[in-house]
Protein backbone atom coordinates (compact mmCIF):
# COMPACT_ATOMS: atom_id res chain seq x y z
CA MET A 1 -73.82 4.80 -49.68
CA THR A 2 -72.04 1.64 -50.83
CA VAL A 3 -69.73 0.20 -48.18
CA LEU A 4 -67.00 -2.44 -48.26
CA ALA A 5 -66.45 -4.03 -44.83
CA ILE A 6 -63.34 -6.01 -43.83
CA ASP A 7 -62.65 -7.78 -40.55
CA THR A 8 -59.82 -10.22 -39.79
CA SER A 9 -59.93 -10.12 -35.99
CA THR A 10 -61.03 -13.78 -35.88
CA ASP A 11 -61.24 -15.38 -39.32
CA VAL A 12 -61.49 -13.51 -42.64
CA ARG A 13 -64.80 -11.71 -43.28
CA VAL A 14 -65.84 -9.38 -46.06
CA ALA A 15 -69.18 -7.82 -46.99
CA VAL A 16 -70.55 -5.23 -49.39
CA ALA A 17 -73.68 -3.21 -48.60
CA ASP A 18 -75.75 -0.51 -50.23
CA GLY A 19 -77.31 1.43 -47.36
CA PRO A 20 -79.17 -1.07 -45.14
CA THR A 21 -79.03 -3.86 -47.75
CA VAL A 22 -76.24 -6.44 -47.72
CA LEU A 23 -75.33 -7.18 -51.32
CA ALA A 24 -72.66 -9.83 -50.73
CA ARG A 25 -70.77 -11.69 -48.01
CA ALA A 26 -67.60 -13.77 -48.21
CA THR A 27 -65.87 -15.71 -45.42
CA GLU A 28 -62.72 -17.79 -44.99
CA HIS A 29 -62.58 -19.80 -41.74
CA ASP A 30 -58.93 -20.87 -42.05
CA THR A 31 -57.15 -18.51 -39.65
CA ARG A 32 -53.77 -19.37 -41.19
CA SER A 33 -54.58 -18.04 -44.65
CA HIS A 34 -55.46 -14.39 -44.07
CA VAL A 35 -52.79 -13.20 -46.51
CA GLU A 36 -53.73 -15.58 -49.32
CA GLN A 37 -57.52 -15.35 -49.04
CA LEU A 38 -58.40 -11.76 -48.18
CA VAL A 39 -57.94 -10.10 -51.58
CA PRO A 40 -59.71 -12.96 -53.47
CA LEU A 41 -62.59 -12.69 -50.98
CA ILE A 42 -62.87 -8.95 -51.62
CA ARG A 43 -62.93 -9.56 -55.37
CA ARG A 44 -65.58 -12.28 -54.96
CA ALA A 45 -67.79 -10.05 -52.81
CA LEU A 46 -67.52 -7.16 -55.27
CA GLU A 47 -68.37 -9.48 -58.17
CA GLN A 48 -71.42 -10.83 -56.32
CA ALA A 49 -72.53 -7.25 -55.66
CA ALA A 50 -71.90 -6.34 -59.33
CA LEU A 51 -69.64 -3.49 -58.23
CA ASP A 52 -66.02 -2.48 -58.50
CA LEU A 53 -63.91 -0.40 -56.13
CA ALA A 54 -64.69 2.75 -58.08
CA ARG A 55 -68.31 2.40 -56.92
CA ILE A 56 -67.43 2.02 -53.22
CA ASP A 57 -68.11 5.14 -51.13
CA LEU A 58 -66.60 3.95 -47.84
CA ILE A 59 -64.41 1.17 -46.44
CA VAL A 60 -65.05 0.08 -42.85
CA VAL A 61 -62.41 -2.09 -41.17
CA GLY A 62 -62.41 -3.90 -37.84
CA MET A 63 -59.37 -2.85 -35.78
CA GLY A 64 -59.56 -5.74 -33.36
CA PRO A 65 -58.68 -6.73 -30.78
CA GLY A 66 -57.22 -9.78 -32.43
CA PRO A 67 -54.03 -11.79 -33.02
CA PHE A 68 -51.17 -9.72 -34.42
CA THR A 69 -50.60 -11.25 -37.86
CA GLY A 70 -54.20 -11.78 -38.98
CA LEU A 71 -55.35 -8.41 -37.72
CA ARG A 72 -52.66 -6.38 -39.45
CA VAL A 73 -53.36 -8.13 -42.78
CA GLY A 74 -56.93 -6.86 -42.79
CA ILE A 75 -56.02 -3.38 -41.64
CA ALA A 76 -53.13 -3.00 -44.09
CA THR A 77 -55.29 -4.19 -46.97
CA ALA A 78 -58.10 -1.77 -46.09
CA GLN A 79 -55.62 1.10 -45.83
CA ALA A 80 -53.99 0.23 -49.16
CA LEU A 81 -57.34 0.07 -50.98
CA ALA A 82 -58.47 3.35 -49.41
CA ILE A 83 -55.29 5.16 -50.43
CA ALA A 84 -55.06 3.67 -53.93
CA ASP A 85 -58.68 4.46 -54.83
CA ALA A 86 -59.13 7.60 -52.70
CA ILE A 87 -61.93 5.99 -50.64
CA PRO A 88 -62.68 7.23 -47.11
CA LEU A 89 -61.75 4.73 -44.39
CA ARG A 90 -63.54 4.22 -41.07
CA ARG A 91 -61.88 2.22 -38.27
CA VAL A 92 -64.04 0.55 -35.60
CA CYS A 93 -63.65 -1.96 -32.77
CA SER A 94 -64.52 -5.50 -33.88
CA LEU A 95 -66.11 -6.25 -30.50
CA ASP A 96 -68.55 -3.39 -31.10
CA VAL A 97 -69.83 -5.28 -34.15
CA LEU A 98 -70.51 -8.29 -31.92
CA ALA A 99 -72.40 -5.97 -29.58
CA LEU A 100 -74.79 -5.11 -32.44
CA THR A 101 -75.49 -8.83 -32.71
CA GLY A 102 -75.95 -9.03 -28.94
CA VAL A 103 -78.65 -6.36 -28.97
CA ARG A 104 -80.49 -8.28 -31.68
CA THR A 105 -79.97 -11.74 -30.14
CA LEU A 106 -80.44 -11.20 -26.39
CA SER A 107 -83.86 -10.36 -24.99
CA PRO A 108 -84.29 -7.03 -23.18
CA ALA A 109 -84.53 -8.94 -19.90
CA ASP A 110 -81.30 -10.86 -20.53
CA ARG A 111 -79.33 -7.69 -21.29
CA ALA A 112 -80.99 -5.46 -18.73
CA GLU A 113 -77.83 -5.44 -16.59
CA GLY A 114 -75.56 -5.33 -19.61
CA PHE A 115 -73.67 -8.03 -21.49
CA LEU A 116 -70.18 -8.97 -22.73
CA THR A 117 -68.62 -9.71 -26.10
CA CYS A 118 -65.57 -11.95 -26.38
CA THR A 119 -63.27 -13.59 -28.91
CA ASP A 120 -60.49 -16.12 -28.45
CA ALA A 121 -57.15 -14.47 -27.68
CA ARG A 122 -55.35 -17.84 -27.37
CA ARG A 123 -52.83 -18.47 -24.57
CA LYS A 124 -55.92 -19.39 -22.45
CA GLU A 125 -57.24 -15.81 -22.64
CA VAL A 126 -60.06 -13.90 -24.31
CA TYR A 127 -60.46 -10.42 -25.74
CA TRP A 128 -63.60 -8.91 -24.23
CA ALA A 129 -65.58 -5.75 -23.58
CA ARG A 130 -68.62 -4.80 -21.52
CA TYR A 131 -71.76 -3.14 -22.92
CA ASP A 132 -74.92 -1.64 -21.50
CA ALA A 133 -78.39 -2.84 -22.49
CA ALA A 134 -78.37 -0.63 -25.59
CA GLY A 135 -75.04 -2.02 -26.81
CA VAL A 136 -72.90 0.99 -25.85
CA ARG A 137 -69.41 -0.05 -24.76
CA ASP A 138 -68.42 0.60 -21.16
CA GLY A 139 -64.66 1.29 -21.13
CA GLU A 140 -61.90 -0.05 -23.33
CA PRO A 141 -61.54 -3.60 -24.73
CA ARG A 142 -59.52 -5.90 -22.48
CA VAL A 143 -57.65 -9.20 -22.57
CA GLY A 144 -57.53 -11.75 -19.77
CA PRO A 145 -58.47 -15.24 -18.54
CA PRO A 146 -62.08 -16.30 -19.18
CA ASP A 147 -62.62 -17.03 -15.48
CA ALA A 148 -62.14 -13.32 -14.72
CA LEU A 149 -65.08 -12.14 -16.87
CA PRO A 150 -68.00 -10.46 -15.04
CA ASP A 151 -71.06 -12.61 -14.46
CA LEU A 152 -73.09 -11.36 -17.43
CA PRO A 153 -74.43 -12.86 -20.67
CA ILE A 154 -71.74 -13.29 -23.33
CA ILE A 155 -71.86 -13.01 -27.12
CA GLY A 156 -69.02 -14.06 -29.39
CA PRO A 157 -66.85 -16.85 -30.80
CA GLY A 158 -64.73 -16.91 -27.63
CA VAL A 159 -67.56 -18.86 -26.00
CA ALA A 160 -66.80 -21.88 -28.19
CA ALA A 161 -63.15 -21.96 -27.11
CA TYR A 162 -63.78 -22.08 -23.35
CA PRO A 163 -66.42 -24.52 -22.01
CA GLN A 164 -66.72 -22.61 -18.72
CA LEU A 165 -68.37 -19.77 -20.64
CA GLY A 166 -70.94 -21.95 -22.38
CA ASN A 167 -73.58 -21.86 -19.66
CA ARG A 168 -74.00 -18.10 -20.06
CA GLY A 169 -72.77 -17.53 -23.58
CA THR A 170 -73.93 -17.62 -27.19
CA VAL A 171 -71.50 -18.39 -30.00
CA GLU A 172 -71.83 -15.64 -32.61
CA ALA A 173 -69.27 -14.63 -35.23
CA VAL A 174 -68.34 -11.09 -36.23
CA ASP A 175 -70.97 -10.27 -38.85
CA ALA A 176 -69.36 -8.44 -41.77
CA GLY A 177 -72.84 -7.62 -43.04
CA LEU A 178 -73.55 -5.65 -39.86
CA LEU A 179 -70.14 -4.02 -40.16
CA ALA A 180 -71.06 -2.90 -43.67
CA THR A 181 -74.62 -1.72 -42.95
CA ARG A 182 -74.08 -0.18 -39.51
CA GLY A 183 -70.38 0.51 -39.27
CA THR A 184 -70.99 4.24 -39.63
CA GLU A 185 -72.96 4.15 -36.35
CA LEU A 186 -70.04 2.70 -34.37
CA PRO A 187 -67.44 4.93 -32.70
CA GLU A 188 -64.11 5.29 -34.47
CA VAL A 189 -61.12 3.95 -32.56
CA GLY A 190 -58.18 5.69 -34.21
CA ALA A 191 -55.44 4.43 -36.48
CA SER A 192 -53.66 2.11 -34.01
CA PRO A 193 -54.65 -1.58 -34.18
CA LEU A 194 -56.08 -2.99 -30.94
CA TYR A 195 -53.48 -5.67 -30.31
CA LEU A 196 -53.74 -5.29 -26.47
CA ARG A 197 -50.54 -7.29 -25.98
CA ARG A 198 -47.18 -7.90 -27.57
CA PRO A 199 -46.88 -10.31 -30.53
CA ASP A 200 -45.47 -13.83 -30.00
CA ALA A 201 -42.46 -13.04 -32.17
CA ALA A 202 -39.98 -10.66 -30.58
CA VAL A 203 -36.81 -8.97 -31.75
CA PRO A 204 -33.82 -10.56 -29.97
CA THR A 205 -32.12 -8.24 -27.51
CA ARG A 206 -28.79 -10.13 -27.26
CA ARG A 207 -26.28 -10.98 -29.94
CA LYS A 208 -25.78 -14.60 -30.82
CA SER A 209 -22.45 -15.91 -29.66
CA ALA A 210 -20.14 -17.01 -32.48
CA LEU A 211 -18.18 -20.11 -31.56
CA ALA A 212 -15.10 -21.29 -33.43
CA LEU A 213 -15.43 -24.63 -35.20
CA PRO A 214 -13.53 -27.42 -33.44
CA GLN A 215 -10.29 -28.49 -35.19
CA ARG A 216 -9.95 -32.11 -36.28
CA PRO A 217 -6.88 -33.88 -34.91
CA GLY A 218 -3.96 -33.41 -37.29
CA ALA A 219 -5.75 -30.83 -39.40
CA ALA A 220 -3.57 -27.95 -40.48
CA ARG A 221 -4.53 -24.55 -39.20
CA PRO A 222 -5.35 -22.03 -41.92
CA ARG A 223 -2.42 -19.82 -42.81
CA ILE A 224 -2.92 -16.06 -42.52
CA ARG A 225 -1.01 -14.07 -45.07
CA ARG A 226 0.38 -10.83 -43.80
CA ARG A 227 0.78 -7.87 -46.04
CA PRO A 228 4.37 -6.62 -46.36
CA ALA A 229 5.07 -3.53 -44.28
């Protein structure tokens, strides 16, 4: 099975795999250019793999948690490609991909009591989830201050953003190659993106007040013509 993997929960990550073999990876670290860079990255990865979309059997997309704008760009792109080319789409939690890395990186002794994955949620918070020693998630992903995390080993890019996590954490990025080769093993999370909180931008709930422009001294008031009765 050839798989195209897309994740924009942190930066922009794309990979193409054929079964257990990663054929291509492409990454853009600029978190402000998800819209501009994602489609070119997909094209680059497909070219490196010597494939086109017609040869892709499955698209796997990370559903977050992640910041609103970047996350929805990846999800919307994956959905559009799946619909346009009639490719099955699988939706998984991005933190679960980090957990696959945790099982490979942490020793059995270090993860005997379980471990955490976390990414930077900004606003002095992290997205995180708890896993058992085998990498199976315990409960739903959460968002909160880093000081509130359980005292367990941590895997993920959120470690780099908060020094207080460094003494028990390892900085690892979401591996799109793992998403492509093992995404079918991860539980599906449904069609709703895992935003976990409201976006920064909000629809105003009150009308703006319209104030009349001040009249200059001596300026004539505009004449209003009345229609004849």
